[in-house]
Amino acid sequence: MNLIKAKDCALSYLKPAEAEILRFFRKKDLSVEKKSDLSPVTIADRNAEEILRTKIARDFPSHGIIGEEFGEENSAAEWVWTIDPIDGTRSFIRGLPLFATLIALLRNGEPVMGVISLPALGETAWAVKGQGAHCGKSRLNVSSCKNLSKALVAVADFYCFRKKKCARLFNRLDREAGMMRTYPDAFGHLMAARGVVDVMVDPLAYIWDYAPCKIMVEEAGGKFANFTGNRSSIREETAISGNPQLVRQVRKIYSEVKTSVPLDQI
């Protein structure tokens, strides 16, 4: 499998998908529905994923696909694509430009190629295993900050921490970080890969969210890890990405708050 070809294909697939998304961006009469998990979905999410799935199936018929809106198909295959047509649908609905379109290619469950695109901002980054992470003509690199007290920490929305019973982690980071800002979804992970924030802390997302973020930050010289354990699984719902030293510091803080209080108070 030629990963550069796969990356080029992914970038070409983005063009019609993003055109469809932007057709509905800031549309006043946009209809919003609720999925079974109560998260929002729009026609733009569904149409864009259909475009991406159709093109992947045409060009890579033996590959599997895992998409947020239409589920899994042949997901036990050696090669599997993940799709999140609009990561940050709440931002999209409100007319905020920080939503992303995400594509990744997994080999035996591990991401080897990923694309994070910000359609409303006109910015697209890609990473290929062994080839680095890039945005336009620039190569991405995580920051060199080694001290949390001097770091800019990006976090997901507070309701995600509260839902996952991680409010104490949020509060510790707020106290100990040099600065903490809410830059949710893939936008925060991409900014960590770019090095403009030092670390991104995300307590609630899924394989289609994390697959491109993991390969992106690792190819930018960083680390992607879950809150607990030694594995950096994209199927677990938590993630810390960015500067390796700060990822370790955040995991240490999580371990401290997790063991110091009952789980339902974290």
Protein backbone atom coordinates (compact mmCIF):
# COMPACT_ATOMS: atom_id res chain seq x y z
CA MET A 1 0.00 0.00 0.00
CA ASN A 2 1.43 3.35 -1.09
CA LEU A 3 0.67 5.72 1.79
CA ILE A 4 1.58 8.85 -0.17
CA LYS A 5 -0.96 7.83 -2.80
CA ALA A 6 -3.52 7.24 -0.05
CA LYS A 7 -2.80 10.70 1.33
CA ASP A 8 -3.17 12.30 -2.10
CA CYS A 9 -6.46 10.47 -2.58
CA ALA A 10 -7.71 11.64 0.81
CA LEU A 11 -6.87 15.24 -0.03
CA SER A 12 -8.72 14.95 -3.34
CA TYR A 13 -11.76 13.45 -1.60
CA LEU A 14 -11.89 16.42 0.74
CA LYS A 15 -12.62 18.93 -2.01
CA PRO A 16 -16.19 17.86 -2.87
CA ALA A 17 -16.94 16.88 0.74
CA GLU A 18 -15.90 20.26 2.07
CA ALA A 19 -17.74 22.09 -0.69
CA GLU A 20 -20.87 20.29 0.48
CA ILE A 21 -20.18 21.20 4.11
CA LEU A 22 -19.57 24.87 3.35
CA ARG A 23 -22.78 25.01 1.36
CA PHE A 24 -24.62 24.69 4.67
CA PHE A 25 -22.23 26.67 6.89
CA ARG A 26 -23.99 29.64 8.52
CA LYS A 27 -27.18 28.76 6.68
CA LYS A 28 -29.99 30.32 8.72
CA ASP A 29 -32.56 27.58 8.20
CA LEU A 30 -30.21 24.63 8.81
CA SER A 31 -32.14 21.74 10.35
CA VAL A 32 -30.49 20.03 13.33
CA GLU A 33 -31.40 16.56 14.57
CA LYS A 34 -30.39 14.63 17.70
CA LYS A 35 -28.72 11.23 17.47
CA SER A 36 -29.26 8.44 19.98
CA ASP A 37 -26.44 9.81 22.17
CA LEU A 38 -28.12 13.26 22.01
CA SER A 39 -25.28 14.77 19.99
CA PRO A 40 -26.35 16.95 17.05
CA VAL A 41 -26.20 15.99 13.38
CA THR A 42 -27.07 17.88 10.19
CA ILE A 43 -27.56 17.13 6.53
CA ALA A 44 -24.04 18.49 5.96
CA ASP A 45 -22.54 15.78 8.21
CA ARG A 46 -24.41 13.02 6.42
CA ASN A 47 -23.90 14.28 2.87
CA ALA A 48 -20.17 14.80 3.39
CA GLU A 49 -19.66 11.33 4.85
CA GLU A 50 -21.58 9.77 1.95
CA ILE A 51 -19.26 11.55 -0.50
CA LEU A 52 -16.16 10.33 1.31
CA ARG A 53 -17.39 6.76 1.71
CA THR A 54 -18.36 6.52 -1.96
CA LYS A 55 -14.94 7.65 -3.13
CA ILE A 56 -13.03 5.40 -0.74
CA ALA A 57 -15.14 2.36 -1.72
CA ARG A 58 -14.57 3.12 -5.40
CA ASP A 59 -10.78 3.42 -5.16
CA PHE A 60 -10.08 0.95 -2.33
CA PRO A 61 -12.82 -1.69 -2.53
CA SER A 62 -11.05 -4.17 -0.23
CA HIS A 63 -10.59 -1.63 2.57
CA GLY A 64 -12.88 -1.19 5.53
CA ILE A 65 -14.55 2.06 6.60
CA ILE A 66 -15.53 3.39 10.02
CA GLY A 67 -17.55 6.59 9.89
CA GLU A 68 -19.28 8.57 12.61
CA GLU A 69 -22.60 8.86 10.82
CA PHE A 70 -22.98 5.54 8.99
CA GLY A 71 -21.05 3.07 11.12
CA GLU A 72 -18.60 0.28 10.29
CA GLU A 73 -18.12 -1.69 7.11
CA ASN A 74 -15.51 -4.45 6.82
CA SER A 75 -13.80 -2.99 9.89
CA ALA A 76 -11.77 -6.18 10.52
CA ALA A 77 -9.81 -5.62 7.29
CA GLU A 78 -6.05 -4.99 7.35
CA TRP A 79 -6.62 -1.49 5.95
CA VAL A 80 -9.48 0.60 7.36
CA TRP A 81 -10.39 4.24 6.75
CA THR A 82 -11.94 6.39 9.48
CA ILE A 83 -14.14 9.38 8.71
CA ASP A 84 -15.56 12.21 10.76
CA PRO A 85 -17.20 14.54 8.24
CA ILE A 86 -17.69 17.38 10.73
CA ASP A 87 -15.74 17.12 13.96
CA GLY A 88 -17.26 19.88 16.07
CA THR A 89 -20.82 19.87 14.77
CA ARG A 90 -21.86 22.19 17.61
CA SER A 91 -19.33 24.77 16.37
CA PHE A 92 -20.54 24.26 12.80
CA ILE A 93 -24.17 24.80 13.82
CA ARG A 94 -23.32 28.03 15.66
CA GLY A 95 -21.34 29.39 12.73
CA LEU A 96 -17.97 29.06 14.48
CA PRO A 97 -15.14 28.17 12.07
CA LEU A 98 -13.22 25.75 14.33
CA PHE A 99 -14.84 22.53 13.09
CA ALA A 100 -12.80 20.00 11.13
CA THR A 101 -13.12 17.23 8.58
CA LEU A 102 -11.10 14.17 9.56
CA ILE A 103 -9.81 11.22 7.54
CA ALA A 104 -7.36 8.53 8.59
CA LEU A 105 -6.09 5.23 7.27
CA LEU A 106 -5.40 2.42 9.72
CA ARG A 107 -3.28 -0.66 9.18
CA ASN A 108 -4.17 -3.43 11.61
CA GLY A 109 -5.83 -0.86 13.84
CA GLU A 110 -2.95 1.63 13.94
CA PRO A 111 -3.17 4.97 12.07
CA VAL A 112 -0.53 5.34 9.38
CA MET A 113 -1.98 8.32 7.51
CA GLY A 114 -4.19 11.16 8.67
CA VAL A 115 -5.71 14.39 7.45
CA ILE A 116 -7.14 17.19 9.57
CA SER A 117 -8.81 19.92 7.57
CA LEU A 118 -10.42 23.14 8.80
CA PRO A 119 -12.75 23.94 5.89
CA ALA A 120 -13.95 27.35 7.11
CA LEU A 121 -10.37 28.47 7.76
CA GLY A 122 -8.89 27.06 4.55
CA GLU A 123 -6.23 25.05 6.37
CA THR A 124 -5.42 21.39 5.79
CA ALA A 125 -2.75 19.33 7.54
CA TRP A 126 -1.65 15.79 6.73
CA ALA A 127 0.66 13.20 8.20
CA VAL A 128 2.08 9.95 6.83
CA LYS A 129 3.99 7.43 8.94
CA GLY A 130 7.69 8.11 8.57
CA GLN A 131 7.10 11.23 6.44
CA GLY A 132 6.31 13.86 9.08
CA ALA A 133 3.32 16.13 9.57
CA HIS A 134 2.74 19.01 7.18
CA CYS A 135 0.44 21.95 6.54
CA GLY A 136 0.96 23.65 3.21
CA LYS A 137 4.72 24.09 2.81
CA SER A 138 5.37 23.98 6.54
CA ARG A 139 6.43 20.95 8.55
CA LEU A 140 4.65 20.71 11.89
CA ASN A 141 6.50 20.28 15.17
CA VAL A 142 5.22 20.11 18.73
CA SER A 143 6.43 22.68 21.23
CA SER A 144 9.57 22.34 23.35
CA CYS A 145 7.97 23.59 26.58
CA LYS A 146 8.90 21.29 29.48
CA ASN A 147 7.09 22.91 32.41
CA LEU A 148 3.33 22.86 32.88
CA SER A 149 3.46 26.13 34.80
CA LYS A 150 4.68 27.83 31.61
CA ALA A 151 2.50 25.89 29.19
CA LEU A 152 -0.55 26.82 27.16
CA VAL A 153 -2.89 23.89 27.73
CA ALA A 154 -5.81 23.28 25.39
CA VAL A 155 -8.80 21.39 26.75
CA ALA A 156 -12.14 20.13 25.57
CA ASP A 157 -15.35 21.68 26.87
CA PHE A 158 -15.93 21.38 30.61
CA TYR A 159 -19.10 19.32 30.11
CA CYS A 160 -16.89 16.55 28.62
CA PHE A 161 -14.78 16.45 31.79
CA ARG A 162 -17.90 16.49 33.93
CA LYS A 163 -19.53 13.71 31.91
CA LYS A 164 -16.42 11.52 32.23
CA LYS A 165 -16.09 12.39 35.94
CA CYS A 166 -12.82 14.20 35.37
CA ALA A 167 -13.74 17.62 36.75
CA ARG A 168 -10.87 17.50 39.26
CA LEU A 169 -8.41 17.03 36.41
CA PHE A 170 -9.84 20.10 34.68
CA ASN A 171 -9.53 22.13 37.90
CA ARG A 172 -5.96 20.99 38.57
CA LEU A 173 -4.92 21.92 35.05
CA ASP A 174 -6.60 25.31 35.44
CA ARG A 175 -4.58 25.94 38.61
CA GLU A 176 -1.23 24.59 37.46
CA ALA A 177 -1.00 25.50 33.77
CA GLY A 178 0.55 28.74 32.64
CA MET A 179 -2.66 29.31 30.70
CA MET A 180 -5.60 27.08 29.86
CA ARG A 181 -7.95 27.62 26.93
CA THR A 182 -10.91 25.68 25.59
CA TYR A 183 -9.93 24.68 22.05
CA PRO A 184 -12.12 21.61 21.60
CA ASP A 185 -12.17 18.74 19.16
CA ALA A 186 -9.51 18.11 16.51
CA PHE A 187 -8.73 21.83 16.39
CA GLY A 188 -6.98 21.56 19.76
CA HIS A 189 -5.03 18.46 18.74
CA LEU A 190 -3.92 20.09 15.50
CA MET A 191 -2.75 23.17 17.39
CA ALA A 192 -0.74 20.85 19.67
CA ALA A 193 0.86 19.21 16.61
CA ARG A 194 1.62 22.67 15.26
CA GLY A 195 3.22 23.64 18.59
CA VAL A 196 1.13 26.76 19.12
CA VAL A 197 -0.39 25.10 22.17
CA ASP A 198 1.80 22.86 24.26
CA VAL A 199 -0.58 20.02 25.07
CA MET A 200 -4.22 19.10 24.36
CA VAL A 201 -6.33 17.26 26.96
CA ASP A 202 -9.47 15.54 25.70
CA PRO A 203 -11.65 13.31 27.92
CA LEU A 204 -14.31 12.31 25.42
CA ALA A 205 -13.98 11.38 21.74
CA TYR A 206 -13.95 8.33 19.49
CA ILE A 207 -11.83 6.40 17.01
CA TRP A 208 -12.77 8.62 14.05
CA ASP A 209 -11.71 11.67 16.10
CA TYR A 210 -8.46 10.29 17.48
CA ALA A 211 -7.06 8.32 14.52
CA PRO A 212 -5.84 11.33 12.50
CA CYS A 213 -4.84 13.24 15.65
CA LYS A 214 -2.59 10.42 16.83
CA ILE A 215 -0.59 10.07 13.61
CA MET A 216 -0.48 13.86 13.23
CA VAL A 217 1.01 14.59 16.65
CA GLU A 218 3.40 11.62 16.55
CA GLU A 219 4.76 12.63 13.16
CA ALA A 220 5.18 16.16 14.56
CA GLY A 221 7.54 14.73 17.19
CA GLY A 222 4.98 14.50 19.96
CA LYS A 223 3.16 11.90 21.98
CA PHE A 224 -0.44 10.71 22.00
CA ALA A 225 -1.59 8.90 25.13
CA ASN A 226 -4.74 7.94 26.99
CA PHE A 227 -5.42 9.13 30.52
CA THR A 228 -4.61 5.73 32.02
CA GLY A 229 -2.40 2.78 31.18
CA ASN A 230 0.63 2.58 28.89
CA ARG A 231 -1.19 2.13 25.58
CA SER A 232 -2.07 5.02 23.30
CA SER A 233 -5.24 3.44 21.97
CA ILE A 234 -7.47 5.32 19.57
CA ARG A 235 -10.41 3.19 20.73
CA GLU A 236 -10.30 4.51 24.27
CA GLU A 237 -12.30 7.68 24.78
CA THR A 238 -9.57 9.83 26.35
CA ALA A 239 -6.48 11.44 24.89
CA ILE A 240 -3.59 13.74 25.70
CA SER A 241 -1.47 14.93 22.79
CA GLY A 242 1.44 17.24 22.20
CA ASN A 243 4.79 17.83 23.83
CA PRO A 244 5.95 14.48 25.30
CA GLN A 245 7.12 15.93 28.63
CA LEU A 246 3.77 17.65 29.21
CA VAL A 247 1.79 14.59 28.19
CA ARG A 248 3.58 12.69 30.95
CA GLN A 249 2.91 15.50 33.45
CA VAL A 250 -0.81 15.55 32.65
CA ARG A 251 -1.04 11.78 33.00
CA LYS A 252 0.67 12.04 36.40
CA ILE A 253 -1.88 14.63 37.53
CA TYR A 254 -4.72 12.42 36.37
CA SER A 255 -3.28 9.50 38.33
CA GLU A 256 -3.06 11.67 41.43
CA VAL A 257 -6.62 12.97 41.28
CA LYS A 258 -7.98 9.55 40.36
CA THR A 259 -6.44 7.82 43.36
CA SER A 260 -7.01 10.61 45.88
CA VAL A 261 -10.84 10.71 45.75
CA PRO A 262 -13.72 8.34 45.05
CA LEU A 263 -14.22 7.79 41.33
CA ASP A 264 -17.62 9.48 41.27
CA GLN A 265 -16.04 12.69 42.61
CA ILE A 266 -13.24 12.96 40.03
